[in-house]
């Protein structure tokens, strides 16, 4: 549990799935979810996925089953939360609601409004 204040329900899990193991995850009602497999291969709901694949579950409330058919452990990152009802625009390190807000974020950054890194 994080001390960071949040404004909507969210979750983030790091699963280490041992060889020949299965793990079932229940997507909470009214939430979206996705999984990321940084290295290795895993079967997710009977479909095979590999290294660096992102798997979206959209609005699929229910059980997701992860299976490791391999001989090495597999890391799986599962994350999600309540549906976000605003537009999302991302560029570089910035995520905003519009291209205009992205432009403003770049201006603010180059104008030094985000502070300075103090090197020792």
PDB file of N, CA and C in Angstrom:
ATOM      1  N   UNK A   1       0.855  -1.178   0.000  1.00  0.00           N
ATOM      2  CA  UNK A   1       0.000   0.000   0.000  1.00  0.00           C
ATOM      3  C   UNK A   1       0.895   1.233   0.000  1.00  0.00           C
ATOM      4  N   UNK A   2       0.570   2.174  -0.860  1.00  0.00           N
ATOM      5  CA  UNK A   2       1.404   3.359  -1.017  1.00  0.00           C
ATOM      6  C   UNK A   2       0.841   4.530  -0.215  1.00  0.00           C
ATOM      7  N   UNK A   3       1.722   5.385   0.331  1.00  0.00           N
ATOM      8  CA  UNK A   3       1.264   6.584   1.026  1.00  0.00           C
ATOM      9  C   UNK A   3       0.865   7.697   0.056  1.00  0.00           C
ATOM     10  N   UNK A   4       1.064   7.493  -1.246  1.00  0.00           N
ATOM     11  CA  UNK A   4       0.741   8.521  -2.237  1.00  0.00           C
ATOM     12  C   UNK A   4      -0.777   8.675  -2.330  1.00  0.00           C
ATOM     13  N   UNK A   5      -1.247   9.927  -2.263  1.00  0.00           N
ATOM     14  CA  UNK A   5      -2.680  10.197  -2.346  1.00  0.00           C
ATOM     15  C   UNK A   5      -3.151   9.975  -3.776  1.00  0.00           C
ATOM     16  N   UNK A   6      -4.224   9.212  -3.938  1.00  0.00           N
ATOM     17  CA  UNK A   6      -4.788   8.963  -5.264  1.00  0.00           C
ATOM     18  C   UNK A   6      -6.231   9.457  -5.298  1.00  0.00           C
ATOM     19  N   UNK A   7      -6.723   9.661  -6.505  1.00  0.00           N
ATOM     20  CA  UNK A   7      -8.071  10.203  -6.670  1.00  0.00           C
ATOM     21  C   UNK A   7      -9.013   9.222  -7.361  1.00  0.00           C
ATOM     22  N   UNK A   8      -8.504   8.040  -7.679  1.00  0.00           N
ATOM     23  CA  UNK A   8      -9.337   6.978  -8.239  1.00  0.00           C
ATOM     24  C   UNK A   8      -8.719   5.642  -7.845  1.00  0.00           C
ATOM     25  N   UNK A   9      -9.506   4.592  -7.915  1.00  0.00           N
ATOM     26  CA  UNK A   9      -9.016   3.262  -7.562  1.00  0.00           C
ATOM     27  C   UNK A   9      -8.027   2.776  -8.624  1.00  0.00           C
ATOM     28  N   UNK A  10      -6.857   2.325  -8.182  1.00  0.00           N
ATOM     29  CA  UNK A  10      -5.818   1.838  -9.077  1.00  0.00           C
ATOM     30  C   UNK A  10      -5.138   0.640  -8.445  1.00  0.00           C
ATOM     31  N   UNK A  11      -4.481  -0.157  -9.279  1.00  0.00           N
ATOM     32  CA  UNK A  11      -3.695  -1.267  -8.741  1.00  0.00           C
ATOM     33  C   UNK A  11      -2.493  -1.517  -9.640  1.00  0.00           C
ATOM     34  N   UNK A  12      -1.452  -2.082  -9.044  1.00  0.00           N
ATOM     35  CA  UNK A  12      -0.224  -2.432  -9.747  1.00  0.00           C
ATOM     36  C   UNK A  12       0.390  -3.618  -9.019  1.00  0.00           C
ATOM     37  N   UNK A  13       0.534  -4.741  -9.735  1.00  0.00           N
ATOM     38  CA  UNK A  13       1.091  -5.951  -9.135  1.00  0.00           C
ATOM     39  C   UNK A  13       2.252  -6.460  -9.968  1.00  0.00           C
ATOM     40  N   UNK A  14       3.293  -6.925  -9.287  1.00  0.00           N
ATOM     41  CA  UNK A  14       4.419  -7.595  -9.929  1.00  0.00           C
ATOM     42  C   UNK A  14       4.306  -9.069  -9.573  1.00  0.00           C
ATOM     43  N   UNK A  15       4.059  -9.886 -10.585  1.00  0.00           N
ATOM     44  CA  UNK A  15       3.891 -11.322 -10.373  1.00  0.00           C
ATOM     45  C   UNK A  15       5.135 -12.026 -10.905  1.00  0.00           C
ATOM     46  N   UNK A  16       5.719 -12.889 -10.113  1.00  0.00           N
ATOM     47  CA  UNK A  16       6.816 -13.745 -10.578  1.00  0.00           C
ATOM     48  C   UNK A  16       6.212 -15.146 -10.675  1.00  0.00           C
ATOM     49  N   UNK A  17       5.979 -15.561 -11.901  1.00  0.00           N
ATOM     50  CA  UNK A  17       5.316 -16.845 -12.141  1.00  0.00           C
ATOM     51  C   UNK A  17       6.372 -17.926 -12.360  1.00  0.00           C
ATOM     52  N   UNK A  18       6.410 -18.867 -11.452  1.00  0.00           N
ATOM     53  CA  UNK A  18       7.408 -19.935 -11.503  1.00  0.00           C
ATOM     54  C   UNK A  18       7.142 -20.877 -12.692  1.00  0.00           C
ATOM     55  N   UNK A  19       8.162 -21.644 -13.101  1.00  0.00           N
ATOM     56  CA  UNK A  19       7.990 -22.573 -14.222  1.00  0.00           C
ATOM     57  C   UNK A  19       6.837 -23.546 -13.983  1.00  0.00           C
ATOM     58  N   UNK A  20       6.084 -23.780 -15.043  1.00  0.00           N
ATOM     59  CA  UNK A  20       4.952 -24.730 -15.043  1.00  0.00           C
ATOM     60  C   UNK A  20       3.828 -24.323 -14.091  1.00  0.00           C
ATOM     61  N   UNK A  21       3.812 -23.069 -13.672  1.00  0.00           N
ATOM     62  CA  UNK A  21       2.797 -22.602 -12.722  1.00  0.00           C
ATOM     63  C   UNK A  21       1.694 -21.806 -13.432  1.00  0.00           C
ATOM     64  N   UNK A  22       0.566 -21.688 -12.748  1.00  0.00           N
ATOM     65  CA  UNK A  22      -0.569 -20.882 -13.213  1.00  0.00           C
ATOM     66  C   UNK A  22      -0.956 -19.916 -12.104  1.00  0.00           C
ATOM     67  N   UNK A  23      -1.518 -18.769 -12.520  1.00  0.00           N
ATOM     68  CA  UNK A  23      -2.005 -17.794 -11.557  1.00  0.00           C
ATOM     69  C   UNK A  23      -3.252 -17.152 -12.150  1.00  0.00           C
ATOM     70  N   UNK A  24      -4.316 -17.086 -11.388  1.00  0.00           N
ATOM     71  CA  UNK A  24      -5.558 -16.457 -11.840  1.00  0.00           C
ATOM     72  C   UNK A  24      -5.725 -15.121 -11.134  1.00  0.00           C
ATOM     73  N   UNK A  25      -6.107 -14.114 -11.894  1.00  0.00           N
ATOM     74  CA  UNK A  25      -6.306 -12.765 -11.371  1.00  0.00           C
ATOM     75  C   UNK A  25      -7.713 -12.316 -11.731  1.00  0.00           C
ATOM     76  N   UNK A  26      -8.425 -11.809 -10.752  1.00  0.00           N
ATOM     77  CA  UNK A  26      -9.786 -11.323 -10.965  1.00  0.00           C
ATOM     78  C   UNK A  26      -9.749  -9.822 -11.223  1.00  0.00           C
ATOM     79  N   UNK A  27     -10.214  -9.398 -12.408  1.00  0.00           N
ATOM     80  CA  UNK A  27     -10.277  -7.962 -12.703  1.00  0.00           C
ATOM     81  C   UNK A  27     -11.431  -7.387 -11.893  1.00  0.00           C
ATOM     82  N   UNK A  28     -11.153  -6.373 -11.081  1.00  0.00           N
ATOM     83  CA  UNK A  28     -12.221  -5.785 -10.264  1.00  0.00           C
ATOM     84  C   UNK A  28     -13.346  -5.202 -11.125  1.00  0.00           C
ATOM     85  N   UNK A  29     -14.557  -5.248 -10.611  1.00  0.00           N
ATOM     86  CA  UNK A  29     -15.712  -4.695 -11.323  1.00  0.00           C
ATOM     87  C   UNK A  29     -15.482  -3.216 -11.623  1.00  0.00           C
ATOM     88  N   UNK A  30     -15.896  -2.780 -12.799  1.00  0.00           N
ATOM     89  CA  UNK A  30     -15.831  -1.381 -13.236  1.00  0.00           C
ATOM     90  C   UNK A  30     -14.399  -0.848 -13.340  1.00  0.00           C
ATOM     91  N   UNK A  31     -13.435  -1.732 -13.587  1.00  0.00           N
ATOM     92  CA  UNK A  31     -12.065  -1.291 -13.764  1.00  0.00           C
ATOM     93  C   UNK A  31     -11.485  -1.887 -15.035  1.00  0.00           C
ATOM     94  N   UNK A  32     -10.501  -1.198 -15.585  1.00  0.00           N
ATOM     95  CA  UNK A  32      -9.774  -1.678 -16.747  1.00  0.00           C
ATOM     96  C   UNK A  32      -8.462  -2.278 -16.263  1.00  0.00           C
ATOM     97  N   UNK A  33      -7.902  -3.173 -17.061  1.00  0.00           N
ATOM     98  CA  UNK A  33      -6.639  -3.788 -16.656  1.00  0.00           C
ATOM     99  C   UNK A  33      -5.794  -4.091 -17.880  1.00  0.00           C
ATOM    100  N   UNK A  34      -4.494  -4.232 -17.624  1.00  0.00           N
ATOM    101  CA  UNK A  34      -3.543  -4.630 -18.661  1.00  0.00           C
ATOM    102  C   UNK A  34      -2.421  -5.395 -17.983  1.00  0.00           C
ATOM    103  N   UNK A  35      -1.651  -6.110 -18.789  1.00  0.00           N
ATOM    104  CA  UNK A  35      -0.488  -6.829 -18.279  1.00  0.00           C
ATOM    105  C   UNK A  35       0.680  -6.570 -19.219  1.00  0.00           C
ATOM    106  N   UNK A  36       1.878  -6.547 -18.655  1.00  0.00           N
ATOM    107  CA  UNK A  36       3.104  -6.355 -19.418  1.00  0.00           C
ATOM    108  C   UNK A  36       4.068  -7.470 -19.033  1.00  0.00           C
ATOM    109  N   UNK A  37       4.669  -8.074 -20.058  1.00  0.00           N
ATOM    110  CA  UNK A  37       5.646  -9.141 -19.836  1.00  0.00           C
ATOM    111  C   UNK A  37       7.002  -8.603 -20.274  1.00  0.00           C
ATOM    112  N   UNK A  38       7.843  -8.138 -19.326  1.00  0.00           N
ATOM    113  CA  UNK A  38       9.121  -7.533 -19.711  1.00  0.00           C
ATOM    114  C   UNK A  38      10.093  -8.510 -20.356  1.00  0.00           C
ATOM    115  N   UNK A  39      10.164  -9.737 -19.841  1.00  0.00           N
ATOM    116  CA  UNK A  39      11.075 -10.759 -20.368  1.00  0.00           C
ATOM    117  C   UNK A  39      10.377 -12.107 -20.335  1.00  0.00           C
ATOM    118  N   UNK A  40      10.737 -12.968 -21.241  1.00  0.00           N
ATOM    119  CA  UNK A  40      10.192 -14.324 -21.223  1.00  0.00           C
ATOM    120  C   UNK A  40       8.888 -14.431 -21.971  1.00  0.00           C
ATOM    121  N   UNK A  41       8.248 -15.582 -21.820  1.00  0.00           N
ATOM    122  CA  UNK A  41       6.993 -15.889 -22.494  1.00  0.00           C
ATOM    123  C   UNK A  41       5.973 -16.349 -21.471  1.00  0.00           C
ATOM    124  N   UNK A  42       4.710 -16.060 -21.737  1.00  0.00           N
ATOM    125  CA  UNK A  42       3.628 -16.516 -20.867  1.00  0.00           C
ATOM    126  C   UNK A  42       2.382 -16.719 -21.711  1.00  0.00           C
ATOM    127  N   UNK A  43       1.505 -17.562 -21.222  1.00  0.00           N
ATOM    128  CA  UNK A  43       0.213 -17.764 -21.850  1.00  0.00           C
ATOM    129  C   UNK A  43      -0.807 -17.018 -21.005  1.00  0.00           C
ATOM    130  N   UNK A  44      -1.609 -16.192 -21.663  1.00  0.00           N
ATOM    131  CA  UNK A  44      -2.611 -15.393 -20.972  1.00  0.00           C
ATOM    132  C   UNK A  44      -3.960 -15.717 -21.604  1.00  0.00           C
ATOM    133  N   UNK A  45      -4.847 -16.274 -20.815  1.00  0.00           N
ATOM    134  CA  UNK A  45      -6.163 -16.696 -21.308  1.00  0.00           C
ATOM    135  C   UNK A  45      -6.036 -17.527 -22.580  1.00  0.00           C
ATOM    136  N   UNK A  46      -5.149 -18.499 -22.538  1.00  0.00           N
ATOM    137  CA  UNK A  46      -4.935 -19.475 -23.619  1.00  0.00           C
ATOM    138  C   UNK A  46      -4.260 -18.907 -24.869  1.00  0.00           C
ATOM    139  N   UNK A  47      -3.737 -17.687 -24.814  1.00  0.00           N
ATOM    140  CA  UNK A  47      -2.992 -17.100 -25.934  1.00  0.00           C
ATOM    141  C   UNK A  47      -1.559 -16.861 -25.493  1.00  0.00           C
ATOM    142  N   UNK A  48      -0.605 -17.162 -26.381  1.00  0.00           N
ATOM    143  CA  UNK A  48       0.807 -17.003 -26.061  1.00  0.00           C
ATOM    144  C   UNK A  48       1.283 -15.577 -26.318  1.00  0.00           C
ATOM    145  N   UNK A  49       2.061 -15.046 -25.371  1.00  0.00           N
ATOM    146  CA  UNK A  49       2.643 -13.714 -25.474  1.00  0.00           C
ATOM    147  C   UNK A  49       4.109 -13.800 -25.103  1.00  0.00           C
ATOM    148  N   UNK A  50       4.903 -12.845 -25.607  1.00  0.00           N
ATOM    149  CA  UNK A  50       6.331 -12.873 -25.348  1.00  0.00           C
ATOM    150  C   UNK A  50       6.876 -11.564 -24.839  1.00  0.00           C
ATOM    151  N   UNK A  51       8.199 -11.511 -24.813  1.00  0.00           N
ATOM    152  CA  UNK A  51       8.967 -10.388 -24.289  1.00  0.00           C
ATOM    153  C   UNK A  51       8.453  -9.042 -24.803  1.00  0.00           C
ATOM    154  N   UNK A  52       8.278  -8.118 -23.883  1.00  0.00           N
ATOM    155  CA  UNK A  52       7.886  -6.732 -24.154  1.00  0.00           C
ATOM    156  C   UNK A  52       6.478  -6.573 -24.724  1.00  0.00           C
ATOM    157  N   UNK A  53       5.635  -7.566 -24.522  1.00  0.00           N
ATOM    158  CA  UNK A  53       4.264  -7.434 -25.023  1.00  0.00           C
ATOM    159  C   UNK A  53       3.357  -6.852 -23.947  1.00  0.00           C
ATOM    160  N   UNK A  54       2.466  -5.975 -24.396  1.00  0.00           N
ATOM    161  CA  UNK A  54       1.459  -5.359 -23.539  1.00  0.00           C
ATOM    162  C   UNK A  54       0.115  -5.966 -23.915  1.00  0.00           C
ATOM    163  N   UNK A  55      -0.611  -6.456 -22.932  1.00  0.00           N
ATOM    164  CA  UNK A  55      -1.884  -7.118 -23.162  1.00  0.00           C
ATOM    165  C   UNK A  55      -2.974  -6.306 -22.490  1.00  0.00           C
ATOM    166  N   UNK A  56      -3.891  -5.769 -23.264  1.00  0.00           N
ATOM    167  CA  UNK A  56      -4.998  -4.992 -22.714  1.00  0.00           C
ATOM    168  C   UNK A  56      -6.225  -5.864 -22.534  1.00  0.00           C
ATOM    169  N   UNK A  57      -6.937  -5.651 -21.454  1.00  0.00           N
ATOM    170  CA  UNK A  57      -8.139  -6.426 -21.183  1.00  0.00           C
ATOM    171  C   UNK A  57      -9.401  -5.585 -21.312  1.00  0.00           C
ATOM    172  N   UNK A  58      -9.256  -4.332 -21.774  1.00  0.00           N
ATOM    173  CA  UNK A  58     -10.385  -3.423 -22.004  1.00  0.00           C
ATOM    174  C   UNK A  58     -11.342  -3.450 -20.818  1.00  0.00           C
ATOM    175  N   UNK A  59     -12.599  -3.692 -21.078  1.00  0.00           N
ATOM    176  CA  UNK A  59     -13.598  -3.723 -20.005  1.00  0.00           C
ATOM    177  C   UNK A  59     -14.028  -5.156 -19.727  1.00  0.00           C
ATOM    178  N   UNK A  60     -13.074  -6.070 -19.733  1.00  0.00           N
ATOM    179  CA  UNK A  60     -13.347  -7.484 -19.549  1.00  0.00           C
ATOM    180  C   UNK A  60     -13.351  -7.862 -18.067  1.00  0.00           C
ATOM    181  N   UNK A  61     -14.416  -7.550 -17.386  1.00  0.00           N
ATOM    182  CA  UNK A  61     -14.510  -7.961 -15.988  1.00  0.00           C
ATOM    183  C   UNK A  61     -14.485  -9.480 -15.933  1.00  0.00           C
ATOM    184  N   UNK A  62     -13.749 -10.019 -14.994  1.00  0.00           N
ATOM    185  CA  UNK A  62     -13.687 -11.464 -14.859  1.00  0.00           C
ATOM    186  C   UNK A  62     -12.284 -11.935 -14.550  1.00  0.00           C
ATOM    187  N   UNK A  63     -12.057 -13.219 -14.783  1.00  0.00           N
ATOM    188  CA  UNK A  63     -10.801 -13.844 -14.426  1.00  0.00           C
ATOM    189  C   UNK A  63      -9.838 -13.867 -15.610  1.00  0.00           C
ATOM    190  N   UNK A  64      -8.582 -13.531 -15.326  1.00  0.00           N
ATOM    191  CA  UNK A  64      -7.499 -13.646 -16.295  1.00  0.00           C
ATOM    192  C   UNK A  64      -6.557 -14.713 -15.753  1.00  0.00           C
ATOM    193  N   UNK A  65      -6.194 -15.679 -16.598  1.00  0.00           N
ATOM    194  CA  UNK A  65      -5.301 -16.742 -16.150  1.00  0.00           C
ATOM    195  C   UNK A  65      -3.955 -16.629 -16.858  1.00  0.00           C
ATOM    196  N   UNK A  66      -2.892 -16.591 -16.058  1.00  0.00           N
ATOM    197  CA  UNK A  66      -1.522 -16.534 -16.554  1.00  0.00           C
ATOM    198  C   UNK A  66      -0.903 -17.917 -16.362  1.00  0.00           C
ATOM    199  N   UNK A  67      -0.209 -18.409 -17.388  1.00  0.00           N
ATOM    200  CA  UNK A  67       0.451 -19.711 -17.315  1.00  0.00           C
ATOM    201  C   UNK A  67       1.878 -19.577 -17.809  1.00  0.00           C
ATOM    202  N   UNK A  68       2.804 -20.159 -17.083  1.00  0.00           N
ATOM    203  CA  UNK A  68       4.209 -20.207 -17.490  1.00  0.00           C
ATOM    204  C   UNK A  68       4.508 -21.641 -17.916  1.00  0.00           C
ATOM    205  N   UNK A  69       4.609 -21.872 -19.231  1.00  0.00           N
ATOM    206  CA  UNK A  69       4.893 -23.204 -19.753  1.00  0.00           C
ATOM    207  C   UNK A  69       6.394 -23.482 -19.810  1.00  0.00           C
ATOM    208  N   UNK A  70       7.201 -22.458 -19.545  1.00  0.00           N
ATOM    209  CA  UNK A  70       8.640 -22.563 -19.692  1.00  0.00           C
ATOM    210  C   UNK A  70       9.347 -23.193 -18.503  1.00  0.00           C
ATOM    211  N   UNK A  71      10.690 -23.076 -18.544  1.00  0.00           N
ATOM    212  CA  UNK A  71      11.511 -23.672 -17.483  1.00  0.00           C
ATOM    213  C   UNK A  71      12.166 -22.610 -16.600  1.00  0.00           C
ATOM    214  N   UNK A  72      11.889 -21.347 -16.868  1.00  0.00           N
ATOM    215  CA  UNK A  72      12.417 -20.241 -16.062  1.00  0.00           C
ATOM    216  C   UNK A  72      11.260 -19.393 -15.547  1.00  0.00           C
ATOM    217  N   UNK A  73      11.437 -18.726 -14.405  1.00  0.00           N
ATOM    218  CA  UNK A  73      10.386 -17.820 -13.912  1.00  0.00           C
ATOM    219  C   UNK A  73      10.109 -16.693 -14.921  1.00  0.00           C
ATOM    220  N   UNK A  74       8.886 -16.203 -14.924  1.00  0.00           N
ATOM    221  CA  UNK A  74       8.481 -15.101 -15.812  1.00  0.00           C
ATOM    222  C   UNK A  74       7.915 -13.977 -14.952  1.00  0.00           C
ATOM    223  N   UNK A  75       8.389 -12.757 -15.208  1.00  0.00           N
ATOM    224  CA  UNK A  75       7.835 -11.572 -14.544  1.00  0.00           C
ATOM    225  C   UNK A  75       6.641 -11.077 -15.335  1.00  0.00           C
ATOM    226  N   UNK A  76       5.573 -10.747 -14.631  1.00  0.00           N
ATOM    227  CA  UNK A  76       4.380 -10.171 -15.250  1.00  0.00           C
ATOM    228  C   UNK A  76       3.955  -8.982 -14.404  1.00  0.00           C
ATOM    229  N   UNK A  77       3.767  -7.847 -15.050  1.00  0.00           N
ATOM    230  CA  UNK A  77       3.277  -6.648 -14.371  1.00  0.00           C
ATOM    231  C   UNK A  77       1.802  -6.506 -14.744  1.00  0.00           C
ATOM    232  N   UNK A  78       0.932  -6.488 -13.750  1.00  0.00           N
ATOM    233  CA  UNK A  78      -0.505  -6.330 -13.970  1.00  0.00           C
ATOM    234  C   UNK A  78      -0.915  -5.007 -13.340  1.00  0.00           C
ATOM    235  N   UNK A  79      -1.619  -4.180 -14.113  1.00  0.00           N
ATOM    236  CA  UNK A  79      -1.995  -2.866 -13.605  1.00  0.00           C
ATOM    237  C   UNK A  79      -3.330  -2.437 -14.187  1.00  0.00           C
ATOM    238  N   UNK A  80      -3.955  -1.476 -13.521  1.00  0.00           N
ATOM    239  CA  UNK A  80      -5.220  -0.962 -14.022  1.00  0.00           C
ATOM    240  C   UNK A  80      -5.891  -0.086 -12.992  1.00  0.00           C
ATOM    241  N   UNK A  81      -7.144   0.196 -13.267  1.00  0.00           N
ATOM    242  CA  UNK A  81      -7.911   1.033 -12.368  1.00  0.00           C
ATOM    243  C   UNK A  81      -9.199   1.484 -13.012  1.00  0.00           C
ATOM    244  N   UNK A  82      -9.783   2.478 -12.394  1.00  0.00           N
ATOM    245  CA  UNK A  82     -11.030   3.018 -12.927  1.00  0.00           C
ATOM    246  C   UNK A  82     -10.806   3.627 -14.308  1.00  0.00           C
ATOM    247  N   UNK A  83     -11.839   3.564 -15.143  1.00  0.00           N
ATOM    248  CA  UNK A  83     -11.774   4.132 -16.488  1.00  0.00           C
ATOM    249  C   UNK A  83     -11.495   5.631 -16.410  1.00  0.00           C
ATOM    250  N   UNK A  84     -10.600   6.083 -17.263  1.00  0.00           N
ATOM    251  CA  UNK A  84     -10.239   7.504 -17.320  1.00  0.00           C
ATOM    252  C   UNK A  84     -11.066   8.145 -18.421  1.00  0.00           C
ATOM    253  N   UNK A  85     -11.939   9.094 -18.080  1.00  0.00           N
ATOM    254  CA  UNK A  85     -12.905   9.642 -19.023  1.00  0.00           C
ATOM    255  C   UNK A  85     -12.455  10.917 -19.728  1.00  0.00           C
ATOM    256  N   UNK A  86     -11.171  11.205 -19.719  1.00  0.00           N
ATOM    257  CA  UNK A  86     -10.677  12.404 -20.394  1.00  0.00           C
ATOM    258  C   UNK A  86      -9.748  11.999 -21.529  1.00  0.00           C
ATOM    259  N   UNK A  87      -9.561  12.892 -22.528  1.00  0.00           N
ATOM    260  CA  UNK A  87      -8.600  12.576 -23.586  1.00  0.00           C
ATOM    261  C   UNK A  87      -7.192  12.493 -23.018  1.00  0.00           C
ATOM    262  N   UNK A  88      -6.366  11.642 -23.607  1.00  0.00           N
ATOM    263  CA  UNK A  88      -4.984  11.480 -23.175  1.00  0.00           C
ATOM    264  C   UNK A  88      -4.076  11.706 -24.377  1.00  0.00           C
ATOM    265  N   UNK A  89      -3.122  12.622 -24.214  1.00  0.00           N
ATOM    266  CA  UNK A  89      -2.127  12.896 -25.251  1.00  0.00           C
ATOM    267  C   UNK A  89      -0.768  12.785 -24.579  1.00  0.00           C
ATOM    268  N   UNK A  90       0.102  11.978 -25.150  1.00  0.00           N
ATOM    269  CA  UNK A  90       1.437  11.818 -24.585  1.00  0.00           C
ATOM    270  C   UNK A  90       2.500  12.141 -25.611  1.00  0.00           C
ATOM    271  N   UNK A  91       3.563  12.796 -25.160  1.00  0.00           N
ATOM    272  CA  UNK A  91       4.718  13.071 -26.008  1.00  0.00           C
ATOM    273  C   UNK A  91       5.925  13.254 -25.108  1.00  0.00           C
ATOM    274  N   UNK A  92       7.003  12.528 -25.429  1.00  0.00           N
ATOM    275  CA  UNK A  92       8.195  12.618 -24.595  1.00  0.00           C
ATOM    276  C   UNK A  92       7.837  12.260 -23.162  1.00  0.00           C
ATOM    277  N   UNK A  93       8.272  13.078 -22.206  1.00  0.00           N
ATOM    278  CA  UNK A  93       7.993  12.760 -20.806  1.00  0.00           C
ATOM    279  C   UNK A  93       6.635  13.279 -20.323  1.00  0.00           C
ATOM    280  N   UNK A  94       5.868  13.910 -21.208  1.00  0.00           N
ATOM    281  CA  UNK A  94       4.638  14.578 -20.781  1.00  0.00           C
ATOM    282  C   UNK A  94       3.386  13.811 -21.199  1.00  0.00           C
ATOM    283  N   UNK A  95       2.410  13.781 -20.299  1.00  0.00           N
ATOM    284  CA  UNK A  95       1.093  13.223 -20.586  1.00  0.00           C
ATOM    285  C   UNK A  95       0.086  14.273 -20.157  1.00  0.00           C
ATOM    286  N   UNK A  96      -0.707  14.730 -21.107  1.00  0.00           N
ATOM    287  CA  UNK A  96      -1.682  15.796 -20.852  1.00  0.00           C
ATOM    288  C   UNK A  96      -3.009  15.417 -21.514  1.00  0.00           C
ATOM    289  N   UNK A  97      -3.920  16.397 -21.592  1.00  0.00           N
ATOM    290  CA  UNK A  97      -5.228  16.162 -22.198  1.00  0.00           C
ATOM    291  C   UNK A  97      -5.350  16.709 -23.615  1.00  0.00           C
ATOM    292  N   UNK A  98      -4.372  17.498 -24.074  1.00  0.00           N
ATOM    293  CA  UNK A  98      -4.460  18.060 -25.423  1.00  0.00           C
ATOM    294  C   UNK A  98      -3.063  18.386 -25.944  1.00  0.00           C
ATOM    295  N   UNK A  99      -2.953  18.571 -27.251  1.00  0.00           N
ATOM    296  CA  UNK A  99      -1.680  18.981 -27.853  1.00  0.00           C
ATOM    297  C   UNK A  99      -1.266  20.350 -27.309  1.00  0.00           C
ATOM    298  N   UNK A 100      -2.235  21.217 -27.090  1.00  0.00           N
ATOM    299  CA  UNK A 100      -1.938  22.544 -26.548  1.00  0.00           C
ATOM    300  C   UNK A 100      -1.272  22.426 -25.170  1.00  0.00           C
ATOM    301  N   UNK A 101      -1.812  21.542 -24.309  1.00  0.00           N
ATOM    302  CA  UNK A 101      -1.223  21.352 -22.986  1.00  0.00           C
ATOM    303  C   UNK A 101       0.179  20.743 -23.076  1.00  0.00           C
ATOM    304  N   UNK A 102       0.413  19.874 -24.053  1.00  0.00           N
ATOM    305  CA  UNK A 102       1.762  19.323 -24.276  1.00  0.00           C
ATOM    306  C   UNK A 102       2.714  20.459 -24.637  1.00  0.00           C
ATOM    307  N   UNK A 103       2.290  21.335 -25.553  1.00  0.00           N
ATOM    308  CA  UNK A 103       3.129  22.482 -25.946  1.00  0.00           C
ATOM    309  C   UNK A 103       3.445  23.365 -24.751  1.00  0.00           C
ATOM    310  N   UNK A 104       2.444  23.606 -23.907  1.00  0.00           N
ATOM    311  CA  UNK A 104       2.651  24.432 -22.714  1.00  0.00           C
ATOM    312  C   UNK A 104       3.622  23.761 -21.751  1.00  0.00           C
ATOM    313  N   UNK A 105       3.519  22.450 -21.610  1.00  0.00           N
ATOM    314  CA  UNK A 105       4.433  21.720 -20.721  1.00  0.00           C
ATOM    315  C   UNK A 105       5.875  21.854 -21.207  1.00  0.00           C
ATOM    316  N   UNK A 106       6.088  21.758 -22.517  1.00  0.00           N
ATOM    317  CA  UNK A 106       7.439  21.945 -23.059  1.00  0.00           C
ATOM    318  C   UNK A 106       7.939  23.366 -22.802  1.00  0.00           C
ATOM    319  N   UNK A 107       7.056  24.355 -23.029  1.00  0.00           N
ATOM    320  CA  UNK A 107       7.459  25.748 -22.768  1.00  0.00           C
ATOM    321  C   UNK A 107       7.844  25.932 -21.302  1.00  0.00           C
ATOM    322  N   UNK A 108       7.009  25.411 -20.403  1.00  0.00           N
ATOM    323  CA  UNK A 108       7.292  25.544 -18.973  1.00  0.00           C
ATOM    324  C   UNK A 108       8.605  24.854 -18.615  1.00  0.00           C
ATOM    325  N   UNK A 109       8.842  23.695 -19.211  1.00  0.00           N
ATOM    326  CA  UNK A 109      10.083  22.970 -18.931  1.00  0.00           C
ATOM    327  C   UNK A 109      11.298  23.782 -19.372  1.00  0.00           C
ATOM    328  N   UNK A 110      11.275  24.272 -20.612  1.00  0.00           N
ATOM    329  CA  UNK A 110      12.426  25.015 -21.132  1.00  0.00           C
ATOM    330  C   UNK A 110      12.570  26.394 -20.483  1.00  0.00           C
ATOM    331  N   UNK A 111      11.500  26.914 -19.899  1.00  0.00           N
ATOM    332  CA  UNK A 111      11.576  28.174 -19.150  1.00  0.00           C
ATOM    333  C   UNK A 111      12.021  27.953 -17.706  1.00  0.00           C
ATOM    334  N   UNK A 112      12.321  26.701 -17.326  1.00  0.00           N
ATOM    335  CA  UNK A 112      12.824  26.396 -15.988  1.00  0.00           C
ATOM    336  C   UNK A 112      11.762  26.347 -14.912  1.00  0.00           C
ATOM    337  N   UNK A 113      10.495  26.254 -15.278  1.00  0.00           N
ATOM    338  CA  UNK A 113       9.420  26.269 -14.283  1.00  0.00           C
ATOM    339  C   UNK A 113       9.273  24.948 -13.524  1.00  0.00           C
ATOM    340  N   UNK A 114      10.014  23.923 -13.930  1.00  0.00           N
ATOM    341  CA  UNK A 114       9.950  22.641 -13.229  1.00  0.00           C
ATOM    342  C   UNK A 114      11.079  22.494 -12.219  1.00  0.00           C
ATOM    343  N   UNK A 115      11.846  23.546 -12.016  1.00  0.00           N
ATOM    344  CA  UNK A 115      12.930  23.504 -11.054  1.00  0.00           C
ATOM    345  C   UNK A 115      14.247  23.088 -11.711  1.00  0.00           C
ATOM    346  N   UNK A 116      15.260  22.957 -10.894  1.00  0.00           N
ATOM    347  CA  UNK A 116      16.601  22.619 -11.356  1.00  0.00           C
ATOM    348  C   UNK A 116      17.128  21.422 -10.617  1.00  0.00           C
ATOM    349  N   UNK A 117      17.956  20.673 -11.292  1.00  0.00           N
ATOM    350  CA  UNK A 117      18.652  19.555 -10.644  1.00  0.00           C
ATOM    351  C   UNK A 117      19.956  20.110 -10.108  1.00  0.00           C
ATOM    352  N   UNK A 118      20.189  19.930  -8.838  1.00  0.00           N
ATOM    353  CA  UNK A 118      21.427  20.389  -8.214  1.00  0.00           C
ATOM    354  C   UNK A 118      22.448  19.272  -8.249  1.00  0.00           C
ATOM    355  N   UNK A 119      23.522  19.481  -9.002  1.00  0.00           N
ATOM    356  CA  UNK A 119      24.586  18.487  -9.082  1.00  0.00           C
ATOM    357  C   UNK A 119      25.623  18.781  -8.006  1.00  0.00           C
ATOM    358  N   UNK A 120      26.099  17.730  -7.350  1.00  0.00           N
ATOM    359  CA  UNK A 120      27.099  17.966  -6.297  1.00  0.00           C
ATOM    360  C   UNK A 120      28.503  17.699  -6.796  1.00  0.00           C
TER     361      UNK A 120
END
